[in-house]
Amino acid sequence: MSMSKRALGTLAVLALAMLVLMSWPAFAATTYTTTVQVVGPTGSAVASAPIYVYYLNGTQVASGTTNSTGYAQFALANGTYLVFVKGSHQYFFSLIKVAGTTKAVINGTKLHYVNITSVPATTSFTLKPDNTNASISLNTNATVYGDKNATIVFPSSFVSFPYMYKLSSVKNATTTVSKGTIFANITGANEVVTATYTSSLAFTSPLFLGIIAVVILIIIIGAFYAGTHAVFNVTHQFVRRANREAKRFVRSVNEEDRDRKHYVHRSED
């Protein structure tokens, strides 16, 4: 009876496992062919451009490259996504909604842009499109086209040897801030955002001085080790040479002693 119950239990588990495997596709999200066309501000196709698709929480879900006519295809489930395109010195972002088989157009001729610069040197910045948690890292002297407003975040300082740059101000047409975060309102008009940095020689920065101190310490340790090693080698060679000379002297003395004994023996004869 116990064996029968165990066998029935095993069969039940196997049947449940097969049922789960057979019904698994029903639980998986259905994806649809989503075609994205990217058109530049002059009306020409944005070809051979890397293109990225993100969930609104900022997680990348797909990536690809536009073809010669500016098209790229993805398999996406229904929902809203952020699409970001890296063109040649121009970037594009747009929120698209997928509902079954979908075609979306990112049309640069109908989008406003923000021109992002930094003086006196180029640096990185982070672009955060509205209605998403995505953070996209780019370099300044960039033009970004988008269908949503965006927050732009600059670093408070950076080093481009031999200079260290500290953020002085960030401004657009209406606002100037001393911190690195500024809002770009590009749903209504084009924007220009400029970050201004003050420069100083990196030699005077605590970070650089700390690096120099570490390098000097490494050099001292290396020199000490090299010197100790050299002294050891010289001492070792001296000892070996002295040992050889001592052995040679002993052999010479022994030979002279044998010769003397031989001479004395012959004289006695």
C-alpha atoms as a PDB file:
ATOM      1  CA  MET A   1       0.000   0.000   0.000  1.00  0.00           C
ATOM      2  CA  SER A   2       2.837   2.340   0.892  1.00  0.00           C
ATOM      3  CA  MET A   3       4.582   1.587  -2.405  1.00  0.00           C
ATOM      4  CA  SER A   4       1.397   2.287  -4.361  1.00  0.00           C
ATOM      5  CA  LYS A   5       0.924   5.644  -2.668  1.00  0.00           C
ATOM      6  CA  ARG A   6       4.551   6.542  -3.373  1.00  0.00           C
ATOM      7  CA  ALA A   7       4.150   5.573  -7.034  1.00  0.00           C
ATOM      8  CA  LEU A   8       0.948   7.580  -7.363  1.00  0.00           C
ATOM      9  CA  GLY A   9       2.651  10.572  -5.747  1.00  0.00           C
ATOM     10  CA  THR A  10       5.545  10.361  -8.201  1.00  0.00           C
ATOM     11  CA  LEU A  11       3.139  10.163 -11.163  1.00  0.00           C
ATOM     12  CA  ALA A  12       1.241  13.181  -9.867  1.00  0.00           C
ATOM     13  CA  VAL A  13       4.427  15.228  -9.604  1.00  0.00           C
ATOM     14  CA  LEU A  14       5.482  14.239 -13.139  1.00  0.00           C
ATOM     15  CA  ALA A  15       2.052  15.108 -14.513  1.00  0.00           C
ATOM     16  CA  LEU A  16       2.151  18.520 -12.830  1.00  0.00           C
ATOM     17  CA  ALA A  17       5.628  19.189 -14.216  1.00  0.00           C
ATOM     18  CA  MET A  18       4.494  18.300 -17.752  1.00  0.00           C
ATOM     19  CA  LEU A  19       1.441  20.537 -17.371  1.00  0.00           C
ATOM     20  CA  VAL A  20       3.627  23.483 -16.316  1.00  0.00           C
ATOM     21  CA  LEU A  21       6.031  22.914 -19.224  1.00  0.00           C
ATOM     22  CA  MET A  22       3.188  22.677 -21.745  1.00  0.00           C
ATOM     23  CA  SER A  23       1.525  25.840 -20.469  1.00  0.00           C
ATOM     24  CA  TRP A  24       4.774  27.850 -20.066  1.00  0.00           C
ATOM     25  CA  PRO A  25       4.344  29.834 -23.341  1.00  0.00           C
ATOM     26  CA  ALA A  26       0.999  31.070 -22.031  1.00  0.00           C
ATOM     27  CA  PHE A  27       2.760  32.601 -19.027  1.00  0.00           C
ATOM     28  CA  ALA A  28       5.560  34.213 -21.091  1.00  0.00           C
ATOM     29  CA  ALA A  29       4.972  37.719 -22.396  1.00  0.00           C
ATOM     30  CA  THR A  30       4.046  37.810 -26.075  1.00  0.00           C
ATOM     31  CA  THR A  31       6.369  39.946 -28.181  1.00  0.00           C
ATOM     32  CA  TYR A  32       5.568  41.771 -31.397  1.00  0.00           C
ATOM     33  CA  THR A  33       7.669  43.060 -34.243  1.00  0.00           C
ATOM     34  CA  THR A  34       8.409  46.687 -33.521  1.00  0.00           C
ATOM     35  CA  THR A  35       9.918  48.746 -36.327  1.00  0.00           C
ATOM     36  CA  VAL A  36      11.621  52.035 -35.493  1.00  0.00           C
ATOM     37  CA  GLN A  37      12.470  54.565 -38.186  1.00  0.00           C
ATOM     38  CA  VAL A  38      14.927  57.361 -37.368  1.00  0.00           C
ATOM     39  CA  VAL A  39      14.897  60.561 -39.436  1.00  0.00           C
ATOM     40  CA  GLY A  40      17.454  63.336 -38.925  1.00  0.00           C
ATOM     41  CA  PRO A  41      16.699  67.069 -38.584  1.00  0.00           C
ATOM     42  CA  THR A  42      17.320  67.594 -42.309  1.00  0.00           C
ATOM     43  CA  GLY A  43      14.867  64.848 -43.272  1.00  0.00           C
ATOM     44  CA  SER A  44      17.521  62.280 -44.214  1.00  0.00           C
ATOM     45  CA  ALA A  45      17.708  58.793 -42.740  1.00  0.00           C
ATOM     46  CA  VAL A  46      19.937  58.306 -39.695  1.00  0.00           C
ATOM     47  CA  ALA A  47      21.853  55.281 -40.977  1.00  0.00           C
ATOM     48  CA  SER A  48      24.231  52.885 -39.226  1.00  0.00           C
ATOM     49  CA  ALA A  49      23.442  54.400 -35.832  1.00  0.00           C
ATOM     50  CA  PRO A  50      23.445  52.441 -32.567  1.00  0.00           C
ATOM     51  CA  ILE A  51      19.922  52.319 -31.123  1.00  0.00           C
ATOM     52  CA  TYR A  52      18.926  51.260 -27.596  1.00  0.00           C
ATOM     53  CA  VAL A  53      15.561  50.368 -26.081  1.00  0.00           C
ATOM     54  CA  TYR A  54      14.917  50.804 -22.339  1.00  0.00           C
ATOM     55  CA  TYR A  55      12.123  50.002 -19.967  1.00  0.00           C
ATOM     56  CA  LEU A  56      10.889  53.138 -18.253  1.00  0.00           C
ATOM     57  CA  ASN A  57      12.700  51.999 -15.097  1.00  0.00           C
ATOM     58  CA  GLY A  58      16.001  52.480 -16.962  1.00  0.00           C
ATOM     59  CA  THR A  59      16.791  48.822 -17.673  1.00  0.00           C
ATOM     60  CA  GLN A  60      18.019  48.202 -21.210  1.00  0.00           C
ATOM     61  CA  VAL A  61      15.856  45.609 -22.952  1.00  0.00           C
ATOM     62  CA  ALA A  62      17.242  45.600 -26.514  1.00  0.00           C
ATOM     63  CA  SER A  63      19.803  47.185 -28.801  1.00  0.00           C
ATOM     64  CA  GLY A  64      20.637  47.242 -32.472  1.00  0.00           C
ATOM     65  CA  THR A  65      21.802  49.389 -35.379  1.00  0.00           C
ATOM     66  CA  THR A  66      19.762  51.254 -37.945  1.00  0.00           C
ATOM     67  CA  ASN A  67      20.127  50.106 -41.544  1.00  0.00           C
ATOM     68  CA  SER A  68      21.019  52.276 -44.527  1.00  0.00           C
ATOM     69  CA  THR A  69      17.488  53.692 -44.626  1.00  0.00           C
ATOM     70  CA  GLY A  70      17.311  54.431 -40.889  1.00  0.00           C
ATOM     71  CA  TYR A  71      15.192  51.429 -39.828  1.00  0.00           C
ATOM     72  CA  ALA A  72      15.700  48.973 -36.959  1.00  0.00           C
ATOM     73  CA  GLN A  73      13.479  46.135 -35.756  1.00  0.00           C
ATOM     74  CA  PHE A  74      12.933  44.686 -32.281  1.00  0.00           C
ATOM     75  CA  ALA A  75      10.737  42.041 -30.669  1.00  0.00           C
ATOM     76  CA  LEU A  76       8.958  43.841 -27.823  1.00  0.00           C
ATOM     77  CA  ALA A  77       6.028  43.098 -25.554  1.00  0.00           C
ATOM     78  CA  ASN A  78       3.192  45.565 -25.267  1.00  0.00           C
ATOM     79  CA  GLY A  79       4.129  48.603 -23.209  1.00  0.00           C
ATOM     80  CA  THR A  80       5.883  51.969 -23.289  1.00  0.00           C
ATOM     81  CA  TYR A  81       9.630  52.182 -23.935  1.00  0.00           C
ATOM     82  CA  LEU A  82      12.372  54.771 -24.171  1.00  0.00           C
ATOM     83  CA  VAL A  83      14.315  54.606 -27.431  1.00  0.00           C
ATOM     84  CA  PHE A  84      17.713  56.307 -27.638  1.00  0.00           C
ATOM     85  CA  VAL A  85      19.709  56.732 -30.865  1.00  0.00           C
ATOM     86  CA  LYS A  86      23.380  57.690 -31.170  1.00  0.00           C
ATOM     87  CA  GLY A  87      23.764  59.466 -34.495  1.00  0.00           C
ATOM     88  CA  SER A  88      26.844  61.267 -35.812  1.00  0.00           C
ATOM     89  CA  HIS A  89      27.325  64.123 -33.297  1.00  0.00           C
ATOM     90  CA  GLN A  90      23.541  64.071 -32.820  1.00  0.00           C
ATOM     91  CA  TYR A  91      21.426  62.043 -30.429  1.00  0.00           C
ATOM     92  CA  PHE A  92      17.710  61.285 -30.407  1.00  0.00           C
ATOM     93  CA  PHE A  93      15.359  59.981 -27.749  1.00  0.00           C
ATOM     94  CA  SER A  94      11.664  59.277 -27.775  1.00  0.00           C
ATOM     95  CA  LEU A  95       9.051  57.364 -25.816  1.00  0.00           C
ATOM     96  CA  ILE A  96       7.213  54.830 -27.978  1.00  0.00           C
ATOM     97  CA  LYS A  97       4.139  52.761 -27.182  1.00  0.00           C
ATOM     98  CA  VAL A  98       4.010  49.158 -28.401  1.00  0.00           C
ATOM     99  CA  ALA A  99       0.551  47.637 -28.933  1.00  0.00           C
ATOM    100  CA  GLY A 100       0.850  44.580 -31.140  1.00  0.00           C
ATOM    101  CA  THR A 101       2.871  44.945 -34.333  1.00  0.00           C
ATOM    102  CA  THR A 102       4.068  48.539 -34.181  1.00  0.00           C
ATOM    103  CA  LYS A 103       5.899  51.072 -36.323  1.00  0.00           C
ATOM    104  CA  ALA A 104       7.330  54.124 -34.595  1.00  0.00           C
ATOM    105  CA  VAL A 105       9.043  57.103 -36.191  1.00  0.00           C
ATOM    106  CA  ILE A 106      11.586  59.297 -34.427  1.00  0.00           C
ATOM    107  CA  ASN A 107      11.449  62.339 -36.673  1.00  0.00           C
ATOM    108  CA  GLY A 108      14.173  64.893 -36.046  1.00  0.00           C
ATOM    109  CA  THR A 109      12.441  67.457 -38.257  1.00  0.00           C
ATOM    110  CA  LYS A 110       9.607  67.637 -35.709  1.00  0.00           C
ATOM    111  CA  LEU A 111      11.667  67.546 -32.512  1.00  0.00           C
ATOM    112  CA  HIS A 112      13.280  70.340 -30.529  1.00  0.00           C
ATOM    113  CA  TYR A 113      16.847  69.948 -29.337  1.00  0.00           C
ATOM    114  CA  VAL A 114      19.170  70.903 -26.521  1.00  0.00           C
ATOM    115  CA  ASN A 115      22.743  71.827 -27.388  1.00  0.00           C
ATOM    116  CA  ILE A 116      24.987  70.842 -24.462  1.00  0.00           C
ATOM    117  CA  THR A 117      28.463  72.339 -24.124  1.00  0.00           C
ATOM    118  CA  SER A 118      31.136  72.844 -21.471  1.00  0.00           C
ATOM    119  CA  VAL A 119      33.949  75.391 -21.331  1.00  0.00           C
ATOM    120  CA  PRO A 120      36.900  75.485 -21.345  1.00  0.00           C
ATOM    121  CA  ALA A 121      37.122  71.680 -21.704  1.00  0.00           C
ATOM    122  CA  THR A 122      34.952  68.761 -22.795  1.00  0.00           C
ATOM    123  CA  THR A 123      33.529  66.523 -20.098  1.00  0.00           C
ATOM    124  CA  SER A 124      30.898  63.856 -19.616  1.00  0.00           C
ATOM    125  CA  PHE A 125      27.331  64.466 -18.460  1.00  0.00           C
ATOM    126  CA  THR A 126      24.240  62.416 -17.694  1.00  0.00           C
ATOM    127  CA  LEU A 127      20.964  62.806 -19.590  1.00  0.00           C
ATOM    128  CA  LYS A 128      17.769  61.836 -17.744  1.00  0.00           C
ATOM    129  CA  PRO A 129      14.651  62.005 -19.947  1.00  0.00           C
ATOM    130  CA  ASP A 130      11.407  62.880 -18.169  1.00  0.00           C
ATOM    131  CA  ASN A 131       8.924  60.120 -17.261  1.00  0.00           C
ATOM    132  CA  THR A 132      11.736  57.579 -17.033  1.00  0.00           C
ATOM    133  CA  ASN A 133      14.433  56.482 -14.612  1.00  0.00           C
ATOM    134  CA  ALA A 134      16.983  56.085 -17.394  1.00  0.00           C
ATOM    135  CA  SER A 135      20.412  57.719 -17.054  1.00  0.00           C
ATOM    136  CA  ILE A 136      22.385  58.008 -20.288  1.00  0.00           C
ATOM    137  CA  SER A 137      26.042  59.045 -20.208  1.00  0.00           C
ATOM    138  CA  LEU A 138      27.295  61.305 -23.024  1.00  0.00           C
ATOM    139  CA  ASN A 139      30.048  63.836 -23.673  1.00  0.00           C
ATOM    140  CA  THR A 140      29.533  67.582 -24.013  1.00  0.00           C
ATOM    141  CA  ASN A 141      29.491  69.436 -27.322  1.00  0.00           C
ATOM    142  CA  ALA A 142      26.477  67.292 -28.180  1.00  0.00           C
ATOM    143  CA  THR A 143      23.081  68.047 -29.672  1.00  0.00           C
ATOM    144  CA  VAL A 144      20.211  65.959 -28.324  1.00  0.00           C
ATOM    145  CA  TYR A 145      16.768  65.836 -29.963  1.00  0.00           C
ATOM    146  CA  GLY A 146      13.855  64.590 -27.882  1.00  0.00           C
ATOM    147  CA  ASP A 147      10.095  64.508 -27.487  1.00  0.00           C
ATOM    148  CA  LYS A 148      10.293  64.950 -23.708  1.00  0.00           C
ATOM    149  CA  ASN A 149      12.007  67.377 -21.382  1.00  0.00           C
ATOM    150  CA  ALA A 150      15.166  66.173 -19.689  1.00  0.00           C
ATOM    151  CA  THR A 151      17.374  66.723 -16.672  1.00  0.00           C
ATOM    152  CA  ILE A 152      21.076  67.207 -17.357  1.00  0.00           C
ATOM    153  CA  VAL A 153      23.682  66.460 -14.706  1.00  0.00           C
ATOM    154  CA  PHE A 154      27.311  67.628 -14.955  1.00  0.00           C
ATOM    155  CA  PRO A 155      30.196  66.436 -12.749  1.00  0.00           C
ATOM    156  CA  SER A 156      31.268  68.822  -9.984  1.00  0.00           C
ATOM    157  CA  SER A 157      34.905  68.360 -11.019  1.00  0.00           C
ATOM    158  CA  PHE A 158      37.093  66.350 -13.352  1.00  0.00           C
ATOM    159  CA  VAL A 159      40.760  66.027 -14.291  1.00  0.00           C
ATOM    160  CA  SER A 160      42.131  66.439 -17.782  1.00  0.00           C
ATOM    161  CA  PHE A 161      45.870  66.354 -17.198  1.00  0.00           C
ATOM    162  CA  PRO A 162      47.620  68.610 -16.388  1.00  0.00           C
ATOM    163  CA  TYR A 163      44.543  70.550 -15.237  1.00  0.00           C
ATOM    164  CA  MET A 164      41.783  69.993 -12.713  1.00  0.00           C
ATOM    165  CA  TYR A 165      38.429  71.574 -13.533  1.00  0.00           C
ATOM    166  CA  LYS A 166      35.823  72.590 -10.954  1.00  0.00           C
ATOM    167  CA  LEU A 167      32.260  73.466 -11.846  1.00  0.00           C
ATOM    168  CA  SER A 168      31.519  77.179 -11.607  1.00  0.00           C
ATOM    169  CA  SER A 169      28.019  77.435 -13.108  1.00  0.00           C
ATOM    170  CA  VAL A 170      25.489  75.846 -15.430  1.00  0.00           C
ATOM    171  CA  LYS A 171      23.042  77.955 -17.378  1.00  0.00           C
ATOM    172  CA  ASN A 172      20.360  77.874 -20.023  1.00  0.00           C
ATOM    173  CA  ALA A 173      18.399  80.768 -21.514  1.00  0.00           C
ATOM    174  CA  THR A 174      16.524  81.534 -18.295  1.00  0.00           C
ATOM    175  CA  THR A 175      18.386  79.905 -15.412  1.00  0.00           C
ATOM    176  CA  THR A 176      21.872  79.866 -13.938  1.00  0.00           C
ATOM    177  CA  VAL A 177      22.786  77.389 -11.186  1.00  0.00           C
ATOM    178  CA  SER A 178      25.983  76.753  -9.282  1.00  0.00           C
ATOM    179  CA  LYS A 179      25.383  73.032  -8.958  1.00  0.00           C
ATOM    180  CA  GLY A 180      25.600  70.497 -11.748  1.00  0.00           C
ATOM    181  CA  THR A 181      21.909  69.739 -12.320  1.00  0.00           C
ATOM    182  CA  ILE A 182      19.722  71.746 -14.688  1.00  0.00           C
ATOM    183  CA  PHE A 183      16.402  71.222 -16.447  1.00  0.00           C
ATOM    184  CA  ALA A 184      16.106  71.371 -20.246  1.00  0.00           C
ATOM    185  CA  ASN A 185      12.656  72.298 -21.525  1.00  0.00           C
ATOM    186  CA  ILE A 186      12.752  71.053 -25.102  1.00  0.00           C
ATOM    187  CA  THR A 187       9.100  70.240 -25.655  1.00  0.00           C
ATOM    188  CA  GLY A 188       8.406  73.862 -26.484  1.00  0.00           C
ATOM    189  CA  ALA A 189      11.635  75.284 -27.903  1.00  0.00           C
ATOM    190  CA  ASN A 190      15.281  74.602 -28.604  1.00  0.00           C
ATOM    191  CA  GLU A 191      17.660  74.971 -25.656  1.00  0.00           C
ATOM    192  CA  VAL A 192      21.342  75.711 -25.118  1.00  0.00           C
ATOM    193  CA  VAL A 193      22.912  74.498 -21.878  1.00  0.00           C
ATOM    194  CA  THR A 194      26.456  75.529 -21.004  1.00  0.00           C
ATOM    195  CA  ALA A 195      28.553  74.347 -18.075  1.00  0.00           C
ATOM    196  CA  THR A 196      31.446  76.620 -17.101  1.00  0.00           C
ATOM    197  CA  TYR A 197      34.449  75.262 -15.230  1.00  0.00           C
ATOM    198  CA  THR A 198      37.455  76.959 -13.628  1.00  0.00           C
ATOM    199  CA  SER A 199      40.820  75.315 -14.159  1.00  0.00           C
ATOM    200  CA  SER A 200      43.870  74.906 -11.964  1.00  0.00           C
ATOM    201  CA  LEU A 201      47.014  72.860 -12.256  1.00  0.00           C
ATOM    202  CA  ALA A 202      46.364  69.331 -11.140  1.00  0.00           C
ATOM    203  CA  PHE A 203      49.759  69.374  -9.363  1.00  0.00           C
ATOM    204  CA  THR A 204      48.189  71.397  -6.539  1.00  0.00           C
ATOM    205  CA  SER A 205      45.150  69.186  -5.986  1.00  0.00           C
ATOM    206  CA  PRO A 206      45.125  66.891  -2.923  1.00  0.00           C
ATOM    207  CA  LEU A 207      44.344  63.930  -5.156  1.00  0.00           C
ATOM    208  CA  PHE A 208      47.316  64.576  -7.412  1.00  0.00           C
ATOM    209  CA  LEU A 209      49.621  65.196  -4.456  1.00  0.00           C
ATOM    210  CA  GLY A 210      48.461  61.936  -2.942  1.00  0.00           C
ATOM    211  CA  ILE A 211      49.205  60.100  -6.194  1.00  0.00           C
ATOM    212  CA  ILE A 212      52.655  61.712  -6.345  1.00  0.00           C
ATOM    213  CA  ALA A 213      53.328  60.655  -2.730  1.00  0.00           C
ATOM    214  CA  VAL A 214      52.396  57.061  -3.536  1.00  0.00           C
ATOM    215  CA  VAL A 215      54.600  57.073  -6.655  1.00  0.00           C
ATOM    216  CA  ILE A 216      57.555  58.467  -4.690  1.00  0.00           C
ATOM    217  CA  LEU A 217      57.063  55.832  -1.989  1.00  0.00           C
ATOM    218  CA  ILE A 218      57.034  53.087  -4.618  1.00  0.00           C
ATOM    219  CA  ILE A 219      60.230  54.505  -6.158  1.00  0.00           C
ATOM    220  CA  ILE A 220      61.940  54.627  -2.739  1.00  0.00           C
ATOM    221  CA  ILE A 221      60.931  51.068  -1.930  1.00  0.00           C
ATOM    222  CA  GLY A 222      62.067  49.941  -5.381  1.00  0.00           C
ATOM    223  CA  ALA A 223      65.386  51.756  -5.017  1.00  0.00           C
ATOM    224  CA  PHE A 224      65.910  50.283  -1.546  1.00  0.00           C
ATOM    225  CA  TYR A 225      65.138  46.824  -2.816  1.00  0.00           C
ATOM    226  CA  ALA A 226      67.355  47.304  -5.857  1.00  0.00           C
ATOM    227  CA  GLY A 227      70.162  48.676  -3.671  1.00  0.00           C
ATOM    228  CA  THR A 228      69.827  45.859  -1.168  1.00  0.00           C
ATOM    229  CA  HIS A 229      69.783  43.354  -3.968  1.00  0.00           C
ATOM    230  CA  ALA A 230      72.872  44.945  -5.525  1.00  0.00           C
ATOM    231  CA  VAL A 231      74.729  44.923  -2.195  1.00  0.00           C
ATOM    232  CA  PHE A 232      73.784  41.282  -1.729  1.00  0.00           C
ATOM    233  CA  ASN A 233      75.087  40.426  -5.198  1.00  0.00           C
ATOM    234  CA  VAL A 234      78.380  42.265  -4.623  1.00  0.00           C
ATOM    235  CA  THR A 235      78.826  40.643  -1.214  1.00  0.00           C
ATOM    236  CA  HIS A 236      77.988  37.224  -2.606  1.00  0.00           C
ATOM    237  CA  GLN A 237      80.463  37.631  -5.460  1.00  0.00           C
ATOM    238  CA  PHE A 238      83.149  38.842  -3.032  1.00  0.00           C
ATOM    239  CA  VAL A 239      82.622  35.840  -0.765  1.00  0.00           C
ATOM    240  CA  ARG A 240      82.763  33.440  -3.712  1.00  0.00           C
ATOM    241  CA  ARG A 241      85.906  35.096  -5.032  1.00  0.00           C
ATOM    242  CA  ALA A 242      87.524  35.049  -1.586  1.00  0.00           C
ATOM    243  CA  ASN A 243      86.590  31.400  -1.233  1.00  0.00           C
ATOM    244  CA  ARG A 244      88.153  30.574  -4.587  1.00  0.00           C
ATOM    245  CA  GLU A 245      91.339  32.493  -3.679  1.00  0.00           C
ATOM    246  CA  ALA A 246      91.505  30.736  -0.311  1.00  0.00           C
ATOM    247  CA  LYS A 247      91.182  27.343  -1.969  1.00  0.00           C
ATOM    248  CA  ARG A 248      93.812  28.309  -4.511  1.00  0.00           C
ATOM    249  CA  PHE A 249      96.163  29.423  -1.705  1.00  0.00           C
ATOM    250  CA  VAL A 250      95.625  26.147   0.173  1.00  0.00           C
ATOM    251  CA  ARG A 251      96.350  24.127  -2.970  1.00  0.00           C
ATOM    252  CA  SER A 252      99.492  26.182  -3.547  1.00  0.00           C
ATOM    253  CA  VAL A 253     100.678  25.645   0.023  1.00  0.00           C
ATOM    254  CA  ASN A 254      99.986  21.921  -0.220  1.00  0.00           C
ATOM    255  CA  GLU A 255     101.893  21.660  -3.478  1.00  0.00           C
ATOM    256  CA  GLU A 256     104.847  23.557  -2.031  1.00  0.00           C
ATOM    257  CA  ASP A 257     104.783  21.294   1.038  1.00  0.00           C
ATOM    258  CA  ARG A 258     104.802  18.170  -1.158  1.00  0.00           C
ATOM    259  CA  ASP A 259     107.679  19.548  -3.187  1.00  0.00           C
ATOM    260  CA  ARG A 260     109.634  20.392  -0.036  1.00  0.00           C
ATOM    261  CA  LYS A 261     109.069  16.929   1.428  1.00  0.00           C
ATOM    262  CA  HIS A 262     110.094  15.326  -1.848  1.00  0.00           C
ATOM    263  CA  TYR A 263     113.264  17.441  -1.968  1.00  0.00           C
ATOM    264  CA  VAL A 264     114.151  16.573   1.642  1.00  0.00           C
ATOM    265  CA  HIS A 265     113.550  12.907   1.000  1.00  0.00           C
ATOM    266  CA  ARG A 266     115.827  12.927  -2.030  1.00  0.00           C
ATOM    267  CA  SER A 267     118.535  14.762  -0.076  1.00  0.00           C
ATOM    268  CA  GLU A 268     118.460  12.125   2.637  1.00  0.00           C
ATOM    269  CA  ASP A 269     118.895   9.405   0.040  1.00  0.00           C
END
